[in-house]
């Protein structure tokens, strides 16, 4: 398993960050550049949860079906239900805190357990360049 943690400061308010993280409209692939529109499907959407398949073109195509939960006002968590690269226990978490300047500090934690050969390759790449790669999405 690989664990990646980092923080990013943004001028966006915590509400704006949370709104972007929980926007499951057709705009999501535009908001989050790593999502391939062809690999984006919303299976269920509630007031504080969603079940979504998302993926990218990297490594010949990767995807994960995840259950999002944003019932905690400071945090969004996505847990893997099924994936072609990540196994049970894999998840990521975005925690948002206001800053004195009126923006936000975004704390990212990603825990990824590979479930396939391709997953082991992805985890290896994440160990080496995961922080930089994931920061680019934020």
Foldseek 3Di string as FASTA:
>chain_A
DDKDKDKDWDLAALVVVVCLVQDLPLCNCVLQVQWDSVQWDWPDDDPFKTWIKTWHPPPNIWIFTWIWGCPDVFKIKTFGPDIPFFDHPWIKMWGWDADPSRTIMIMIMTDTDTDDPSNVVVSVVCVVCVVVVVVVRD
